[in-house]
PDB file of N, CA and C in Angstrom:
ATOM      1  N   MET A   1       5.029  20.439  -1.543  1.00  0.00           N
ATOM      2  CA  MET A   1       4.075  20.740   0.174  1.00  0.00           C
ATOM      3  C   MET A   1       3.421  18.863  -0.013  1.00  0.00           C
ATOM      4  N   LYS A   2       3.496  18.208  -1.793  1.00  0.00           N
ATOM      5  CA  LYS A   2       2.715  17.285  -1.805  1.00  0.00           C
ATOM      6  C   LYS A   2       3.281  16.491  -1.096  1.00  0.00           C
ATOM      7  N   ASN A   3       5.007  16.066  -1.559  1.00  0.00           N
ATOM      8  CA  ASN A   3       6.021  15.316  -0.090  1.00  0.00           C
ATOM      9  C   ASN A   3       5.954  15.788   1.438  1.00  0.00           C
ATOM     10  N   GLN A   4       5.210  16.855   1.698  1.00  0.00           N
ATOM     11  CA  GLN A   4       5.825  17.028   2.952  1.00  0.00           C
ATOM     12  C   GLN A   4       3.932  16.477   3.738  1.00  0.00           C
ATOM     13  N   LEU A   5       2.654  16.570   2.623  1.00  0.00           N
ATOM     14  CA  LEU A   5       1.802  15.960   3.345  1.00  0.00           C
ATOM     15  C   LEU A   5       1.771  13.943   2.796  1.00  0.00           C
ATOM     16  N   LEU A   6       2.407  13.260   2.204  1.00  0.00           N
ATOM     17  CA  LEU A   6       2.456  12.474   1.757  1.00  0.00           C
ATOM     18  C   LEU A   6       3.236  11.547   3.026  1.00  0.00           C
ATOM     19  N   ASP A   7       4.585  12.368   3.666  1.00  0.00           N
ATOM     20  CA  ASP A   7       5.366  12.037   4.468  1.00  0.00           C
ATOM     21  C   ASP A   7       4.446  12.138   5.875  1.00  0.00           C
ATOM     22  N   MET A   8       3.196  12.457   5.463  1.00  0.00           N
ATOM     23  CA  MET A   8       2.828  12.782   7.388  1.00  0.00           C
ATOM     24  C   MET A   8       1.467  12.053   7.213  1.00  0.00           C
ATOM     25  N   ILE A   9       0.542  11.425   5.959  1.00  0.00           N
ATOM     26  CA  ILE A   9      -0.822  10.751   5.970  1.00  0.00           C
ATOM     27  C   ILE A   9      -0.098   9.608   5.078  1.00  0.00           C
ATOM     28  N   GLY A  10       0.309   9.335   4.285  1.00  0.00           N
ATOM     29  CA  GLY A  10       0.548   8.575   3.525  1.00  0.00           C
ATOM     30  C   GLY A  10      -0.468   8.737   1.878  1.00  0.00           C
ATOM     31  N   TYR A  11       0.000   7.794   0.918  1.00  0.00           N
ATOM     32  CA  TYR A  11      -0.933   7.290   0.191  1.00  0.00           C
ATOM     33  C   TYR A  11      -2.054   7.905  -0.932  1.00  0.00           C
ATOM     34  N   GLN A  12      -2.941   6.549   0.513  1.00  0.00           N
ATOM     35  CA  GLN A  12      -4.789   6.576   0.317  1.00  0.00           C
ATOM     36  C   GLN A  12      -4.836   7.713   0.879  1.00  0.00           C
ATOM     37  N   THR A  13      -4.326   8.287   2.482  1.00  0.00           N
ATOM     38  CA  THR A  13      -5.308   9.020   2.502  1.00  0.00           C
ATOM     39  C   THR A  13      -4.974  10.095   1.565  1.00  0.00           C
ATOM     40  N   PHE A  14      -3.854  10.444   1.104  1.00  0.00           N
ATOM     41  CA  PHE A  14      -3.012  11.719   0.558  1.00  0.00           C
ATOM     42  C   PHE A  14      -4.029  11.810  -0.661  1.00  0.00           C
ATOM     43  N   GLN A  15      -4.903  10.909  -1.139  1.00  0.00           N
ATOM     44  CA  GLN A  15      -5.143  10.061  -3.028  1.00  0.00           C
ATOM     45  C   GLN A  15      -7.413  10.411  -2.544  1.00  0.00           C
ATOM     46  N   ALA A  16      -7.770  10.474  -1.559  1.00  0.00           N
ATOM     47  CA  ALA A  16      -8.885  10.791  -0.937  1.00  0.00           C
ATOM     48  C   ALA A  16      -9.065  12.625  -0.609  1.00  0.00           C
ATOM     49  N   LEU A  17      -8.152  13.146  -0.153  1.00  0.00           N
ATOM     50  CA  LEU A  17      -7.931  14.754   0.127  1.00  0.00           C
ATOM     51  C   LEU A  17      -8.245  15.334  -0.459  1.00  0.00           C
ATOM     52  N   LEU A  18      -7.515  14.793  -1.688  1.00  0.00           N
ATOM     53  CA  LEU A  18      -7.579  15.672  -2.878  1.00  0.00           C
ATOM     54  C   LEU A  18      -8.833  15.375  -3.576  1.00  0.00           C
ATOM     55  N   ARG A  19      -9.248  13.970  -3.818  1.00  0.00           N
ATOM     56  CA  ARG A  19     -10.408  14.014  -4.359  1.00  0.00           C
ATOM     57  C   ARG A  19     -11.789  15.295  -3.139  1.00  0.00           C
ATOM     58  N   GLY A  20     -11.058  15.182  -1.323  1.00  0.00           N
ATOM     59  CA  GLY A  20     -12.235  16.470  -1.063  1.00  0.00           C
ATOM     60  C   GLY A  20     -11.737  17.198  -1.097  1.00  0.00           C
ATOM     61  N   GLY A  21     -10.707  17.904  -2.038  1.00  0.00           N
ATOM     62  CA  GLY A  21     -10.609  18.960  -2.627  1.00  0.00           C
ATOM     63  C   GLY A  21      -9.845  19.698  -2.035  1.00  0.00           C
ATOM     64  N   ILE A  22      -9.101  18.779  -1.464  1.00  0.00           N
ATOM     65  CA  ILE A  22      -7.704  20.001  -0.318  1.00  0.00           C
ATOM     66  C   ILE A  22      -6.815  20.829  -1.363  1.00  0.00           C
ATOM     67  N   GLN A  23      -6.766  20.540  -2.386  1.00  0.00           N
ATOM     68  CA  GLN A  23      -5.762  21.348  -3.329  1.00  0.00           C
ATOM     69  C   GLN A  23      -5.393  22.696  -3.569  1.00  0.00           C
ATOM     70  N   GLY A  24      -7.552  22.798  -4.105  1.00  0.00           N
ATOM     71  CA  GLY A  24      -8.135  23.861  -3.921  1.00  0.00           C
ATOM     72  C   GLY A  24      -7.825  24.962  -2.378  1.00  0.00           C
ATOM     73  N   LEU A  25      -7.872  24.328  -1.470  1.00  0.00           N
ATOM     74  CA  LEU A  25      -7.789  24.742  -0.416  1.00  0.00           C
ATOM     75  C   LEU A  25      -6.276  25.699   0.225  1.00  0.00           C
ATOM     76  N   ILE A  26      -5.706  24.177  -0.430  1.00  0.00           N
ATOM     77  CA  ILE A  26      -4.306  25.060  -0.403  1.00  0.00           C
ATOM     78  C   ILE A  26      -3.724  25.783  -1.159  1.00  0.00           C
ATOM     79  N   GLN A  27      -4.178  26.100  -2.372  1.00  0.00           N
ATOM     80  CA  GLN A  27      -3.575  26.956  -3.614  1.00  0.00           C
ATOM     81  C   GLN A  27      -4.392  28.349  -2.453  1.00  0.00           C
ATOM     82  N   ARG A  28      -5.763  28.335  -2.692  1.00  0.00           N
ATOM     83  CA  ARG A  28      -5.977  29.149  -2.168  1.00  0.00           C
ATOM     84  C   ARG A  28      -5.653  29.970  -0.403  1.00  0.00           C
ATOM     85  N   LYS A  29      -4.797  29.022  -0.185  1.00  0.00           N
ATOM     86  CA  LYS A  29      -3.748  29.046   1.361  1.00  0.00           C
ATOM     87  C   LYS A  29      -4.729  29.255   1.966  1.00  0.00           C
ATOM     88  N   THR A  30      -5.584  28.456   2.360  1.00  0.00           N
ATOM     89  CA  THR A  30      -7.334  28.840   3.360  1.00  0.00           C
ATOM     90  C   THR A  30      -6.004  27.415   4.581  1.00  0.00           C
ATOM     91  N   TRP A  31      -5.699  28.186   5.534  1.00  0.00           N
ATOM     92  CA  TRP A  31      -4.949  26.630   6.122  1.00  0.00           C
ATOM     93  C   TRP A  31      -6.010  25.908   7.018  1.00  0.00           C
ATOM     94  N   LYS A  32      -6.893  26.462   7.552  1.00  0.00           N
ATOM     95  CA  LYS A  32      -8.206  26.462   8.579  1.00  0.00           C
ATOM     96  C   LYS A  32      -8.740  25.301   7.447  1.00  0.00           C
ATOM     97  N   ALA A  33      -9.530  25.843   6.456  1.00  0.00           N
ATOM     98  CA  ALA A  33     -10.101  24.308   6.325  1.00  0.00           C
ATOM     99  C   ALA A  33      -9.266  23.559   5.619  1.00  0.00           C
ATOM    100  N   ALA A  34      -8.016  23.846   5.071  1.00  0.00           N
ATOM    101  CA  ALA A  34      -8.315  22.656   5.083  1.00  0.00           C
ATOM    102  C   ALA A  34      -7.916  21.840   5.955  1.00  0.00           C
ATOM    103  N   ALA A  35      -7.087  22.218   7.265  1.00  0.00           N
ATOM    104  CA  ALA A  35      -6.794  21.698   8.018  1.00  0.00           C
ATOM    105  C   ALA A  35      -8.110  20.271   8.513  1.00  0.00           C
ATOM    106  N   LYS A  36      -9.355  21.188   8.184  1.00  0.00           N
ATOM    107  CA  LYS A  36     -10.137  20.731   9.043  1.00  0.00           C
ATOM    108  C   LYS A  36     -10.917  19.215   8.028  1.00  0.00           C
ATOM    109  N   LEU A  37     -10.456  19.397   6.857  1.00  0.00           N
ATOM    110  CA  LEU A  37     -10.411  18.682   5.409  1.00  0.00           C
ATOM    111  C   LEU A  37      -9.351  17.694   6.321  1.00  0.00           C
ATOM    112  N   LEU A  38      -8.528  18.203   6.545  1.00  0.00           N
ATOM    113  CA  LEU A  38      -7.453  16.786   7.015  1.00  0.00           C
ATOM    114  C   LEU A  38      -8.510  15.976   8.019  1.00  0.00           C
ATOM    115  N   ILE A  39      -8.042  16.365   9.277  1.00  0.00           N
ATOM    116  CA  ILE A  39      -9.607  16.197  10.027  1.00  0.00           C
ATOM    117  C   ILE A  39     -10.306  15.092  10.423  1.00  0.00           C
ATOM    118  N   ARG A  40     -11.005  15.689   9.482  1.00  0.00           N
ATOM    119  CA  ARG A  40     -12.222  14.288   8.806  1.00  0.00           C
ATOM    120  C   ARG A  40     -11.991  13.570   8.434  1.00  0.00           C
ATOM    121  N   TYR A  41     -10.588  13.581   7.679  1.00  0.00           N
ATOM    122  CA  TYR A  41      -9.577  12.171   7.061  1.00  0.00           C
ATOM    123  C   TYR A  41      -8.957  11.387   8.022  1.00  0.00           C
ATOM    124  N   LEU A  42      -8.549  11.663   8.988  1.00  0.00           N
ATOM    125  CA  LEU A  42      -7.303  11.850  10.145  1.00  0.00           C
ATOM    126  C   LEU A  42      -7.901  10.967  11.053  1.00  0.00           C
ATOM    127  N   GLY A  43      -9.233  11.928  11.497  1.00  0.00           N
ATOM    128  CA  GLY A  43      -9.537  12.216  13.011  1.00  0.00           C
ATOM    129  C   GLY A  43      -9.138  13.384  13.953  1.00  0.00           C
ATOM    130  N   ASP A  44      -9.934  13.530  14.615  1.00  0.00           N
ATOM    131  CA  ASP A  44      -9.596  14.496  15.708  1.00  0.00           C
ATOM    132  C   ASP A  44      -8.736  14.605  16.681  1.00  0.00           C
ATOM    133  N   GLY A  45      -7.708  13.807  16.659  1.00  0.00           N
ATOM    134  CA  GLY A  45      -6.574  13.383  18.091  1.00  0.00           C
ATOM    135  C   GLY A  45      -6.108  14.856  18.235  1.00  0.00           C
ATOM    136  N   ILE A  46      -5.508  15.678  16.589  1.00  0.00           N
ATOM    137  CA  ILE A  46      -4.501  15.977  16.091  1.00  0.00           C
ATOM    138  C   ILE A  46      -5.373  17.636  16.294  1.00  0.00           C
ATOM    139  N   GLY A  47      -5.329  19.012  17.055  1.00  0.00           N
ATOM    140  CA  GLY A  47      -5.986  19.903  16.523  1.00  0.00           C
ATOM    141  C   GLY A  47      -5.977  20.726  15.366  1.00  0.00           C
ATOM    142  N   VAL A  48      -7.153  21.288  14.994  1.00  0.00           N
ATOM    143  CA  VAL A  48      -7.200  21.901  14.048  1.00  0.00           C
ATOM    144  C   VAL A  48      -5.841  23.276  14.075  1.00  0.00           C
ATOM    145  N   GLY A  49      -5.619  23.749  14.845  1.00  0.00           N
ATOM    146  CA  GLY A  49      -4.921  25.343  15.072  1.00  0.00           C
ATOM    147  C   GLY A  49      -3.260  24.387  14.599  1.00  0.00           C
ATOM    148  N   PHE A  50      -2.955  23.029  15.180  1.00  0.00           N
ATOM    149  CA  PHE A  50      -1.676  22.319  14.572  1.00  0.00           C
ATOM    150  C   PHE A  50      -1.683  21.847  13.572  1.00  0.00           C
ATOM    151  N   ILE A  51      -2.772  21.075  12.368  1.00  0.00           N
ATOM    152  CA  ILE A  51      -2.559  21.522  11.277  1.00  0.00           C
ATOM    153  C   ILE A  51      -2.802  22.747  10.897  1.00  0.00           C
ATOM    154  N   ALA A  52      -3.122  23.636  11.026  1.00  0.00           N
ATOM    155  CA  ALA A  52      -3.064  24.621   9.877  1.00  0.00           C
ATOM    156  C   ALA A  52      -2.047  24.762  10.275  1.00  0.00           C
ATOM    157  N   ALA A  53      -1.010  25.464  11.500  1.00  0.00           N
ATOM    158  CA  ALA A  53       0.693  25.645  11.423  1.00  0.00           C
ATOM    159  C   ALA A  53       1.149  25.159  10.672  1.00  0.00           C
ATOM    160  N   GLN A  54       1.477  23.676  10.856  1.00  0.00           N
ATOM    161  CA  GLN A  54       1.387  23.015   9.699  1.00  0.00           C
ATOM    162  C   GLN A  54       1.536  23.535   8.509  1.00  0.00           C
ATOM    163  N   LEU A  55       0.129  23.306   7.822  1.00  0.00           N
ATOM    164  CA  LEU A  55       0.427  23.532   6.065  1.00  0.00           C
ATOM    165  C   LEU A  55       1.031  24.897   5.807  1.00  0.00           C
ATOM    166  N   ALA A  56       0.969  26.042   6.576  1.00  0.00           N
ATOM    167  CA  ALA A  56       1.983  26.773   6.111  1.00  0.00           C
ATOM    168  C   ALA A  56       2.746  27.307   6.685  1.00  0.00           C
ATOM    169  N   TRP A  57       3.631  26.203   7.274  1.00  0.00           N
ATOM    170  CA  TRP A  57       5.231  25.956   7.225  1.00  0.00           C
ATOM    171  C   TRP A  57       5.220  25.407   6.250  1.00  0.00           C
ATOM    172  N   TYR A  58       4.559  24.492   5.835  1.00  0.00           N
ATOM    173  CA  TYR A  58       5.089  23.659   4.511  1.00  0.00           C
ATOM    174  C   TYR A  58       4.923  24.045   3.454  1.00  0.00           C
ATOM    175  N   ALA A  59       4.031  25.215   3.566  1.00  0.00           N
ATOM    176  CA  ALA A  59       4.364  26.357   2.079  1.00  0.00           C
ATOM    177  C   ALA A  59       5.167  27.221   2.272  1.00  0.00           C
ATOM    178  N   ILE A  60       5.173  27.458   3.712  1.00  0.00           N
ATOM    179  CA  ILE A  60       6.928  28.575   3.766  1.00  0.00           C
ATOM    180  C   ILE A  60       8.318  28.060   3.236  1.00  0.00           C
ATOM    181  N   ARG A  61       7.711  26.836   3.204  1.00  0.00           N
ATOM    182  CA  ARG A  61       9.282  25.596   3.165  1.00  0.00           C
ATOM    183  C   ARG A  61       9.363  25.274   1.319  1.00  0.00           C
ATOM    184  N   CYS A  62       8.100  25.225   1.431  1.00  0.00           N
ATOM    185  CA  CYS A  62       8.266  24.410  -0.140  1.00  0.00           C
ATOM    186  C   CYS A  62       8.191  25.721  -1.418  1.00  0.00           C
ATOM    187  N   ALA A  63       8.545  26.726  -0.806  1.00  0.00           N
ATOM    188  CA  ALA A  63       8.352  28.228  -1.791  1.00  0.00           C
ATOM    189  C   ALA A  63       8.873  28.297  -2.536  1.00  0.00           C
TER     190      ALA A  63
END
């Protein structure tokens, strides 16, 4: 999943998300909480539901 997130948001934002705790949220598969954290860093141009679905898809694809 790391590579997909890096492609989507870039290295600097990814590092900020790691400091913000996204890794634990992903490990617990709390997609909505992870999506909210992403929106905090990316802005709210994309909805929480879309990001949560995208993260869940990445989890399936990367399994």
